[in-house]
Structures are given as C-alpha cells and as structure tokens.
Amino acid sequence: MYGKAKFIGELLVPVAPFDQKSGRETWTVAFAPDGSYFAWSQGHRIVKLVPWKKCLNNFVVGVVDVPDTPVPRRMSRQNSSEGSAGRSEPREHTIDCGDIVWGLAFGSSVPEKPSRCVNIEWHRFKFGQDQLLLATGLNNGRIKIWDVYTGKLLLNLLDHTDIVRDLTFAPDGSLVLVSASRDKTLRVWDLKDDGNMVKVLRGHQSWVYCCAFSPDSSVLCSVGAGKTVFVWDMDKYNLIRKLEGHHNDIVSCEFSPDGALLATASYDTRVIVWDPHVGCVLLELGHLFPPPSPIFAGGANDRWVRSVSFCHDGLHIASVADDRLVRFWNIDERSPQAVASLNNGLCCTFSTDGSVLAAGSRDGSVHFWASPRTIASLQHLCRMALRRVMSTPQVQKLPIPSRMVDYLSYRIF
C-alpha cells in the first residue's frame, strides 16, 4: 500500500482569451543551488524567476518545514549595472528569451574554482564568489545566460544547429556548462572563459534529451532518442562506457547525491537505477504491471515515464509518467511510497533541501508536493559519506565482510 503525497501549492500561468495551446509547456523547472530562487519555463518564450522562500510562504503556512535560506548577494559591480556586492532581498523577474525555452539550469561559482583558461585576465566577465547565473536553452539552438539578481542578459552562446533540449552546470563552481541538443551533440562551455566552447561530445545517433553531472563534476551522463545511456569522463572528455538495458527512448537522468547511483527514465515504462562505476542494473522501478515485453515496450504510451529526480537524502526518487501520476519511490522498496495526481506532467525536480518536489505540466503550470518524511539510518548516512569519495571498484577492494561490501555497493539496500 502507498500513501497520497501532500499537495502544498501551485503556480499558474494567466491565459489570454485567444492564447495558443501549443508552446505553453513547462519543459523544465529548477531550483538555485543555494535555494534562493525557483525558475520555470512557463511557455511562449517566458521564464519566471521567483524567490523560493517568498513563493513557499505564499502557499499554505505550516505544510512543510523549510530551513532558513541565506539571502544571496548581488553580482559584482563588474557584471551588474545595478550596484555593489552588498546583500539585498531576492526579487522576482520575468524574462523574455525570444523563443520557446526547452532547458533551464542554475549555475553558481560557489565554491569558487578557477577556469581552465590561462588568459583569464583578458576576459570581459570576472565572476566572483557571489555569482548566480541562469542558462536557458532555446528552440532556435541558442543558449542565453542571465544574471539571476538583475534579470539581465550576459552571454549569448551560438553553436548548436537544433533545439537545445537540456542544460546542466558542473556542481563544483567552475561554471562549466554542458548543453544537450537535437543536433545529436553535447557541447561543453566555459563561462569563466566568456562562454568559450571547450569541447563537442559526439556519439549519440539521434536527439539528445537530457544530461547530468555527477556530484564531483568528474562524470557526465547523457541520454536521448535511443536505448543507450552514455557515461563520459569530463576530465578527458571521452566516453567511459555505454549502459544497455532500456527498451525505448531514454528521456531523463540524474545521479544520486553521493554519485554512487544513476537513475534513468524511459518510454519503456521503467526507471532503472544503475551503478555508473561498473555499469550494472541495481533496481528497476516499473510503472506498468505486468511490464511490457521488450518488443512492445514502445506501445504503452499511457505509461511513458517523462522525468526522474533524486532527492538529496539519497533515499527517495520521484518520477512523472503519462498515466497522470507522480510517484515517490524509496530505494529500499520496489513499489511507490506515495503518489499524487498530475495531468500532462513533463518534468520534476526536488528543492535544494529535498523537502519539496516541483513538477511542470503542458499547460505551463507548476505543482508542488511535500516530500515523504523518512529519517535516514546511521548506516545509510555512513554509506553516503563513504561513497562520496570512493568508487565501486575501490569499495570492492576493502578488507571487510562481503555483506558489508554489498551494502556499500548498493547491491543490498
């Protein structure tokens, strides 16, 4: 048996009398790394940036506990015409990107990491520790970089030849951005080098739908219109391995907070949890029972999984499917812990502290639910701490009992 997730609020888009239904989709939702802002593509070229704490306070008071979020500082005076690096309250912004927005990603230079470029002193932009950026991937193949605190356009990246479907920043504060496109490529950009394109990653035979960095920024996962998961080494920019197991297009991927697990969502009605270090399947979360056979995996289009997201506690996974349900899974179980209704859901992501799940839909609206409350065991917390610094092959070499190795390797949960 599973429970019903607690609904806490929604953000709706005002609809004009003759508004077109196409182009209103919320393809992406995102939270800032410091939890200060929430952004979503509300259709018709528009991205909305709202202070998350203020947004949450406008919902029903007392539904979910949210820790105090530090108020971010503005950009340095070099990049912003609106003032100094002093503190100020986050402000709401409405950004017109000029074309349909498919991908969104926040980028932060905290903790600050230097650029790989040697001539950094010649650059137009000198990003400091108070930097917070928003990248938007557009229908025309462009990527626009915005100052979150002022809503102003900083950079315009032109190189993709088709829709930029997804974007992800390296979590290490280097402001390295990776874009996934329908032109079958991934491109690596260094924003501290004025948005210079560092590398083109090729290998996908068709559209690339999604990409995600590992927590230590050393590995990138990419998925697309195909049955293969690509895992890339981001130090050498080469392909490490391909993961085979899905029977239809793969549309979403995300690493666990410790980097030991990788979740992928597919039109074959399944979410698969992998060990990205060795390429084996650890867990399958089915959305259709009995599961379709591989030859019919593309036919169950009322169960296509659209999005998957890992909670920051490392215990929960959320998925959005075409059967009008949002599911909250616990990695210890193979059935949902809680469900919620959502018509025409397209994407989902957890808040920075993991207390709230946001999901976008085709009508441009965003819905929010409180995450299931589970107190992590001391064993799980120790496992996450260890796996943040050790890969699976390193764990397997430890002089400890085999059952403990299996637990640390997530062979048993």
Protein backbone atom coordinates (compact mmCIF):
# COMPACT_ATOMS: atom_id res chain seq x y z
CA MET A 1 0.00 0.00 0.00
CA TYR A 2 1.13 3.54 -0.66
CA GLY A 3 0.03 6.91 0.66
CA LYS A 4 -1.02 10.12 -1.00
CA ALA A 5 1.59 12.85 -1.30
CA LYS A 6 0.72 16.12 0.43
CA PHE A 7 -0.03 18.88 -2.07
CA ILE A 8 1.23 22.28 -0.90
CA GLY A 9 0.64 24.71 -3.78
CA GLU A 10 0.84 25.59 -7.45
CA LEU A 11 1.99 28.37 -9.75
CA LEU A 12 -0.44 29.05 -12.59
CA VAL A 13 0.04 30.96 -15.82
CA PRO A 14 -2.53 33.62 -16.78
CA VAL A 15 -4.14 32.59 -20.07
CA ALA A 16 -5.30 35.13 -22.64
CA PRO A 17 -8.67 34.52 -24.38
CA PHE A 18 -7.01 33.59 -27.68
CA ASP A 19 -3.86 32.04 -26.25
CA GLN A 20 -2.44 29.17 -28.28
CA LYS A 21 -2.25 25.83 -26.53
CA SER A 22 1.00 24.87 -28.27
CA GLY A 23 4.12 26.49 -26.85
CA ARG A 24 2.73 26.74 -23.31
CA GLU A 25 4.58 23.69 -22.00
CA THR A 26 6.72 23.80 -18.87
CA TRP A 27 9.60 21.69 -20.14
CA THR A 28 11.92 22.46 -17.24
CA VAL A 29 11.81 23.52 -13.59
CA ALA A 30 14.87 24.30 -11.49
CA PHE A 31 15.96 25.40 -8.01
CA ALA A 32 19.04 27.55 -7.40
CA PRO A 33 21.91 25.68 -5.68
CA ASP A 34 21.58 27.88 -2.57
CA GLY A 35 17.79 27.52 -2.51
CA SER A 36 17.21 31.23 -3.08
CA TYR A 37 15.34 31.06 -6.40
CA PHE A 38 12.93 28.86 -8.31
CA ALA A 39 12.66 29.08 -12.11
CA TRP A 40 10.32 27.55 -14.64
CA SER A 41 9.65 27.90 -18.35
CA GLN A 42 6.00 28.91 -18.42
CA GLY A 43 5.65 28.79 -22.20
CA HIS A 44 5.65 31.35 -25.03
CA ARG A 45 9.34 32.34 -24.56
CA ILE A 46 8.85 33.32 -20.91
CA VAL A 47 10.91 32.19 -17.93
CA LYS A 48 9.76 33.15 -14.46
CA LEU A 49 12.29 33.65 -11.65
CA VAL A 50 10.76 33.80 -8.17
CA PRO A 51 12.38 33.97 -4.72
CA TRP A 52 11.73 30.47 -3.40
CA LYS A 53 11.26 31.37 0.25
CA LYS A 54 8.70 34.03 -0.64
CA CYS A 55 6.96 31.61 -3.01
CA LEU A 56 6.74 28.94 -0.33
CA ASN A 57 5.38 31.41 2.22
CA ASN A 58 2.55 32.21 -0.19
CA PHE A 59 1.43 28.59 -0.04
CA VAL A 60 -0.39 27.16 2.95
CA VAL A 61 1.61 28.03 6.06
CA GLY A 62 2.86 25.10 8.09
CA VAL A 63 2.50 22.43 5.41
CA VAL A 64 6.21 21.82 5.10
CA ASP A 65 9.21 22.89 7.13
CA VAL A 66 11.79 24.84 5.18
CA PRO A 67 15.14 25.76 6.69
CA ASP A 68 16.20 29.38 6.67
CA THR A 69 17.78 30.22 3.35
CA PRO A 70 20.67 32.70 3.31
CA VAL A 71 19.91 35.80 1.28
CA PRO A 72 22.21 35.81 -1.75
CA ARG A 73 24.44 38.71 -2.60
CA ARG A 74 24.31 40.56 -5.87
CA MET A 75 26.82 40.12 -8.66
CA SER A 76 29.99 42.14 -8.51
CA ARG A 77 29.90 45.66 -9.95
CA GLN A 78 31.88 44.46 -12.98
CA ASN A 79 28.94 42.46 -14.30
CA SER A 80 25.94 44.32 -12.94
CA SER A 81 24.98 47.92 -13.51
CA GLU A 82 22.65 47.89 -10.53
CA GLY A 83 25.01 48.12 -7.66
CA SER A 84 27.54 46.61 -5.39
CA ALA A 85 28.18 43.27 -3.79
CA GLY A 86 26.11 44.15 -0.76
CA ARG A 87 23.23 41.98 0.36
CA SER A 88 19.69 42.58 -0.82
CA GLU A 89 16.41 40.71 -0.92
CA PRO A 90 15.89 38.39 -3.92
CA ARG A 91 13.49 39.89 -6.44
CA GLU A 92 11.09 38.31 -8.91
CA HIS A 93 11.94 38.54 -12.61
CA THR A 94 10.08 37.74 -15.82
CA ILE A 95 12.50 37.00 -18.66
CA ASP A 96 11.54 37.02 -22.33
CA CYS A 97 14.03 34.68 -24.00
CA GLY A 98 12.89 35.40 -27.57
CA ASP A 99 11.99 31.78 -28.39
CA ILE A 100 10.48 28.67 -26.83
CA VAL A 101 12.51 27.59 -23.79
CA TRP A 102 13.32 23.88 -23.50
CA GLY A 103 16.12 23.76 -20.94
CA LEU A 104 16.96 25.64 -17.73
CA ALA A 105 19.89 25.42 -15.35
CA PHE A 106 21.24 27.48 -12.47
CA GLY A 107 24.99 27.94 -12.19
CA SER A 108 26.89 29.11 -9.14
CA SER A 109 30.57 29.90 -8.64
CA VAL A 110 30.40 28.73 -5.02
CA PRO A 111 32.65 27.01 -4.12
CA GLU A 112 34.85 29.06 -6.43
CA LYS A 113 37.03 27.07 -8.81
CA PRO A 114 39.41 28.66 -11.33
CA SER A 115 38.85 28.38 -15.07
CA ARG A 116 40.99 26.06 -17.17
CA CYS A 117 41.76 29.01 -19.45
CA VAL A 118 45.20 30.56 -18.86
CA ASN A 119 44.40 34.09 -20.10
CA ILE A 120 41.61 34.73 -17.63
CA GLU A 121 42.73 38.35 -17.02
CA TRP A 122 41.70 39.31 -20.56
CA HIS A 123 38.11 38.27 -20.13
CA ARG A 124 35.10 40.52 -20.27
CA PHE A 125 33.44 38.88 -17.26
CA LYS A 126 35.18 38.25 -13.96
CA PHE A 127 32.83 36.06 -11.95
CA GLY A 128 33.18 36.26 -8.20
CA GLN A 129 32.02 34.10 -5.33
CA ASP A 130 28.63 35.84 -5.25
CA GLN A 131 27.78 34.76 -8.80
CA LEU A 132 24.44 33.13 -9.67
CA LEU A 133 23.53 32.55 -13.31
CA LEU A 134 20.59 31.10 -15.21
CA ALA A 135 21.16 29.35 -18.54
CA THR A 136 18.24 28.91 -20.96
CA GLY A 137 18.25 26.54 -23.94
CA LEU A 138 16.06 27.70 -26.81
CA ASN A 139 14.14 26.34 -29.76
CA ASN A 140 16.47 28.09 -32.23
CA GLY A 141 19.60 26.37 -30.88
CA ARG A 142 20.82 29.34 -28.86
CA ILE A 143 21.81 29.38 -25.20
CA LYS A 144 21.29 32.59 -23.25
CA ILE A 145 22.99 33.28 -19.92
CA TRP A 146 21.21 35.61 -17.49
CA ASP A 147 22.13 37.40 -14.27
CA VAL A 148 19.66 35.98 -11.75
CA TYR A 149 19.79 39.00 -9.42
CA THR A 150 19.10 41.61 -12.12
CA GLY A 151 17.40 39.58 -14.86
CA LYS A 152 19.81 40.96 -17.47
CA LEU A 153 21.30 39.05 -20.40
CA LEU A 154 25.05 38.41 -20.08
CA LEU A 155 26.01 35.97 -22.82
CA ASN A 156 24.53 34.53 -26.00
CA LEU A 157 26.06 31.17 -27.00
CA LEU A 158 25.65 30.25 -30.67
CA ASP A 159 26.78 26.89 -31.98
CA HIS A 160 24.01 24.29 -31.83
CA THR A 161 22.06 23.77 -35.05
CA ASP A 162 18.85 22.48 -33.47
CA ILE A 163 16.79 22.70 -30.26
CA VAL A 164 18.81 22.85 -27.02
CA ARG A 165 16.86 20.31 -25.03
CA ASP A 166 18.72 20.33 -21.71
CA LEU A 167 21.43 22.15 -19.76
CA THR A 168 23.49 21.32 -16.68
CA PHE A 169 26.21 23.17 -14.77
CA ALA A 170 29.13 21.43 -13.08
CA PRO A 171 28.40 21.42 -9.32
CA ASP A 172 31.99 22.36 -8.41
CA GLY A 173 31.53 26.09 -9.06
CA SER A 174 33.71 26.11 -12.18
CA LEU A 175 30.79 27.50 -14.24
CA VAL A 176 31.33 24.79 -16.85
CA LEU A 177 28.06 24.30 -18.72
CA VAL A 178 27.02 21.28 -20.79
CA SER A 179 24.20 21.51 -23.33
CA ALA A 180 22.27 18.63 -24.92
CA SER A 181 20.69 19.20 -28.31
CA ARG A 182 18.59 17.64 -31.01
CA ASP A 183 21.59 18.13 -33.31
CA LYS A 184 22.89 14.86 -31.74
CA THR A 185 25.72 16.53 -29.81
CA LEU A 186 26.65 17.68 -26.33
CA ARG A 187 28.71 20.84 -26.06
CA VAL A 188 30.90 21.93 -23.16
CA TRP A 189 31.14 25.67 -22.43
CA ASP A 190 33.40 27.55 -20.01
CA LEU A 191 31.51 30.64 -18.84
CA LYS A 192 34.57 31.93 -16.98
CA ASP A 193 36.22 32.00 -20.41
CA ASP A 194 33.49 34.33 -21.75
CA GLY A 195 31.38 31.34 -22.80
CA ASN A 196 34.05 29.73 -24.95
CA MET A 197 33.08 26.28 -26.25
CA VAL A 198 35.60 23.79 -24.88
CA LYS A 199 34.55 20.51 -26.47
CA VAL A 200 31.90 18.79 -28.59
CA LEU A 201 30.90 15.32 -27.35
CA ARG A 202 29.70 13.09 -30.18
CA GLY A 203 28.33 9.56 -30.07
CA HIS A 204 24.55 9.83 -29.96
CA GLN A 205 22.91 8.66 -33.16
CA SER A 206 19.80 10.80 -32.65
CA TRP A 207 18.39 13.57 -30.44
CA VAL A 208 19.97 14.09 -27.02
CA TYR A 209 17.25 14.69 -24.43
CA CYS A 210 19.00 15.07 -21.08
CA CYS A 211 22.40 15.33 -19.40
CA ALA A 212 23.52 15.35 -15.76
CA PHE A 213 26.79 15.82 -13.87
CA SER A 214 27.92 13.58 -11.05
CA PRO A 215 28.21 15.44 -7.70
CA ASP A 216 32.01 15.70 -8.00
CA SER A 217 31.72 17.02 -11.60
CA SER A 218 34.06 14.31 -12.93
CA VAL A 219 31.43 12.29 -14.82
CA LEU A 220 28.60 13.26 -17.15
CA CYS A 221 25.61 11.13 -18.11
CA SER A 222 23.63 11.76 -21.30
CA VAL A 223 20.52 10.08 -22.71
CA GLY A 224 18.39 10.55 -25.78
CA ALA A 225 16.34 9.04 -28.57
CA GLY A 226 17.82 5.58 -28.24
CA LYS A 227 18.15 2.72 -25.79
CA THR A 228 21.66 3.54 -24.57
CA VAL A 229 22.92 5.56 -21.60
CA PHE A 230 26.23 7.35 -22.25
CA VAL A 231 28.72 7.95 -19.42
CA TRP A 232 31.51 10.47 -20.11
CA ASP A 233 34.80 11.32 -18.38
CA MET A 234 34.74 15.11 -18.02
CA ASP A 235 38.44 15.44 -17.29
CA LYS A 236 39.48 13.85 -20.59
CA TYR A 237 36.19 14.44 -22.47
CA ASN A 238 35.93 10.86 -23.65
CA LEU A 239 33.30 8.13 -23.41
CA ILE A 240 33.78 5.80 -20.44
CA ARG A 241 31.01 3.28 -21.10
CA LYS A 242 27.56 2.69 -22.51
CA LEU A 243 24.79 1.24 -20.36
CA GLU A 244 22.32 -1.09 -22.06
CA GLY A 245 19.02 -2.16 -20.51
CA HIS A 246 16.19 0.11 -21.64
CA HIS A 247 13.89 -0.92 -24.50
CA ASN A 248 12.81 2.52 -25.73
CA ASP A 249 13.94 6.15 -25.81
CA ILE A 250 15.51 7.44 -22.58
CA VAL A 251 14.38 10.95 -21.67
CA SER A 252 15.74 11.80 -18.21
CA CYS A 253 18.73 11.02 -15.98
CA GLU A 254 20.14 12.08 -12.62
CA PHE A 255 22.87 10.99 -10.20
CA SER A 256 22.30 10.31 -6.52
CA PRO A 257 23.80 12.86 -4.08
CA ASP A 258 26.77 10.58 -3.33
CA GLY A 259 27.37 9.76 -7.01
CA ALA A 260 27.05 6.02 -6.40
CA LEU A 261 23.73 5.63 -8.25
CA LEU A 262 22.35 6.82 -11.57
CA ALA A 263 18.61 6.91 -12.30
CA THR A 264 17.28 6.96 -15.88
CA ALA A 265 13.67 7.26 -17.09
CA SER A 266 12.42 5.81 -20.36
CA TYR A 267 9.38 5.47 -22.58
CA ASP A 268 9.63 1.72 -21.88
CA THR A 269 7.62 2.49 -18.68
CA ARG A 270 10.59 1.98 -16.35
CA VAL A 271 13.04 3.87 -14.20
CA ILE A 272 16.33 1.99 -13.94
CA VAL A 273 18.81 2.64 -11.13
CA TRP A 274 22.37 1.83 -12.24
CA ASP A 275 25.80 1.60 -10.71
CA PRO A 276 27.54 4.06 -13.07
CA HIS A 277 31.01 2.90 -11.98
CA VAL A 278 30.60 -0.65 -13.28
CA GLY A 279 27.53 -0.34 -15.50
CA CYS A 280 25.21 -2.86 -13.83
CA VAL A 281 21.48 -2.56 -13.10
CA LEU A 282 20.72 -2.35 -9.37
CA LEU A 283 16.98 -1.63 -9.36
CA GLU A 284 14.05 -1.39 -11.77
CA LEU A 285 11.00 0.71 -10.91
CA GLY A 286 8.12 -0.29 -13.16
CA HIS A 287 5.13 1.92 -13.99
CA LEU A 288 3.11 -0.79 -15.76
CA PHE A 289 2.22 -4.20 -14.33
CA PRO A 290 2.93 -6.65 -15.71
CA PRO A 291 5.78 -4.88 -17.51
CA PRO A 292 5.60 -4.88 -21.31
CA SER A 293 7.85 -7.26 -23.20
CA PRO A 294 10.78 -5.57 -24.97
CA ILE A 295 9.13 -5.85 -28.38
CA PHE A 296 6.02 -3.99 -27.14
CA ALA A 297 7.81 -1.55 -24.81
CA GLY A 298 7.06 1.38 -27.10
CA GLY A 299 3.35 0.76 -27.28
CA ALA A 300 2.33 1.51 -23.69
CA ASN A 301 2.33 5.24 -24.28
CA ASP A 302 -0.06 5.93 -21.40
CA ARG A 303 2.74 4.84 -19.04
CA TRP A 304 5.71 6.59 -20.63
CA VAL A 305 7.98 7.97 -17.92
CA ARG A 306 8.78 11.62 -18.63
CA SER A 307 11.14 12.61 -15.83
CA VAL A 308 13.07 11.29 -12.84
CA SER A 309 14.71 13.11 -9.93
CA PHE A 310 16.84 12.03 -6.96
CA CYS A 311 16.10 13.53 -3.57
CA HIS A 312 19.04 14.96 -1.64
CA ASP A 313 18.58 12.45 1.18
CA GLY A 314 19.72 9.71 -1.21
CA LEU A 315 16.69 7.62 -0.23
CA HIS A 316 13.89 8.87 -2.46
CA ILE A 317 13.31 9.07 -6.20
CA ALA A 318 10.43 10.90 -7.90
CA SER A 319 9.06 10.09 -11.34
CA VAL A 320 6.46 11.68 -13.63
CA ALA A 321 4.59 9.48 -16.11
CA ASP A 322 1.86 9.81 -18.71
CA ASP A 323 -0.62 7.90 -16.52
CA ARG A 324 -1.29 11.22 -14.70
CA LEU A 325 0.64 10.24 -11.60
CA VAL A 326 3.69 11.49 -9.76
CA ARG A 327 5.34 8.69 -7.80
CA PHE A 328 7.65 8.91 -4.80
CA TRP A 329 9.86 5.83 -4.52
CA ASN A 330 12.09 4.65 -1.69
CA ILE A 331 15.21 2.86 -2.91
CA ASP A 332 14.58 0.20 -0.24
CA GLU A 333 11.32 -0.81 -1.94
CA ARG A 334 10.11 -1.62 -5.44
CA SER A 335 6.68 -0.03 -5.06
CA PRO A 336 5.84 3.68 -4.63
CA GLN A 337 5.85 5.10 -1.12
CA ALA A 338 3.41 7.87 -2.13
CA VAL A 339 1.62 9.10 -5.26
CA ALA A 340 -0.02 12.32 -6.45
CA SER A 341 -2.23 13.25 -9.39
CA LEU A 342 -0.79 15.38 -12.19
CA ASN A 343 -2.31 15.82 -15.64
CA ASN A 344 0.12 16.04 -18.55
CA GLY A 345 3.25 16.16 -16.39
CA LEU A 346 6.55 16.76 -18.18
CA CYS A 347 9.31 17.34 -15.63
CA CYS A 348 10.13 17.24 -11.93
CA THR A 349 12.89 18.18 -9.52
CA PHE A 350 13.41 18.29 -5.75
CA SER A 351 14.15 21.51 -3.89
CA THR A 352 17.69 22.08 -2.67
CA ASP A 353 16.93 20.76 0.82
CA GLY A 354 14.82 17.89 -0.54
CA SER A 355 11.66 18.91 1.32
CA VAL A 356 9.56 19.77 -1.76
CA LEU A 357 9.04 18.29 -5.22
CA ALA A 358 8.16 20.62 -8.10
CA ALA A 359 6.60 19.27 -11.31
CA GLY A 360 5.79 21.12 -14.53
CA SER A 361 2.99 20.33 -16.98
CA ARG A 362 1.90 21.02 -20.55
CA ASP A 363 -0.32 23.97 -19.60
CA GLY A 364 2.62 25.98 -18.22
CA SER A 365 1.76 25.46 -14.55
CA VAL A 366 3.92 24.06 -11.75
CA HIS A 367 2.67 21.93 -8.85
CA PHE A 368 4.39 21.32 -5.51
CA TRP A 369 4.22 18.43 -3.03
CA ALA A 370 5.90 17.79 0.29
CA SER A 371 8.45 15.00 0.07
CA PRO A 372 7.84 11.85 2.13
CA ARG A 373 9.36 12.16 5.58
CA THR A 374 11.87 9.43 6.33
CA ILE A 375 14.65 9.51 8.88
CA ALA A 376 17.75 8.07 7.28
CA SER A 377 19.52 5.35 9.23
CA LEU A 378 23.03 5.89 10.52
CA GLN A 379 24.18 3.09 8.20
CA HIS A 380 22.80 4.90 5.16
CA LEU A 381 24.40 8.21 6.17
CA CYS A 382 27.76 6.48 6.63
CA ARG A 383 27.34 4.75 3.27
CA MET A 384 26.67 8.07 1.54
CA ALA A 385 29.66 9.70 3.21
CA LEU A 386 31.93 6.87 2.09
CA ARG A 387 30.57 6.69 -1.46
CA ARG A 388 31.14 10.40 -2.00
CA VAL A 389 34.89 9.68 -2.02
CA MET A 390 35.09 6.04 -3.14
CA SER A 391 34.01 4.35 -6.37
CA THR A 392 32.53 0.85 -6.52
CA PRO A 393 35.83 -0.83 -7.55
CA GLN A 394 37.55 0.85 -4.59
CA VAL A 395 34.82 -0.33 -2.21
CA GLN A 396 35.13 -3.89 -3.52
CA LYS A 397 38.82 -3.93 -2.59
CA LEU A 398 38.20 -3.03 1.06
CA PRO A 399 39.18 -5.77 3.58
CA ILE A 400 35.67 -6.03 5.03
CA PRO A 401 32.96 -8.76 5.05
CA SER A 402 31.27 -9.40 1.71
CA ARG A 403 27.84 -8.44 3.03
CA MET A 404 29.18 -5.04 4.04
CA VAL A 405 30.71 -4.64 0.58
CA ASP A 406 27.30 -5.43 -0.94
CA TYR A 407 25.63 -2.84 1.28
CA LEU A 408 28.19 -0.14 0.47
CA SER A 409 27.87 -1.00 -3.23
CA TYR A 410 24.04 -0.75 -3.06
CA ARG A 411 23.73 -4.43 -4.02
CA ILE A 412 21.52 -4.65 -0.96
CA PHE A 413 19.64 -1.59 0.25
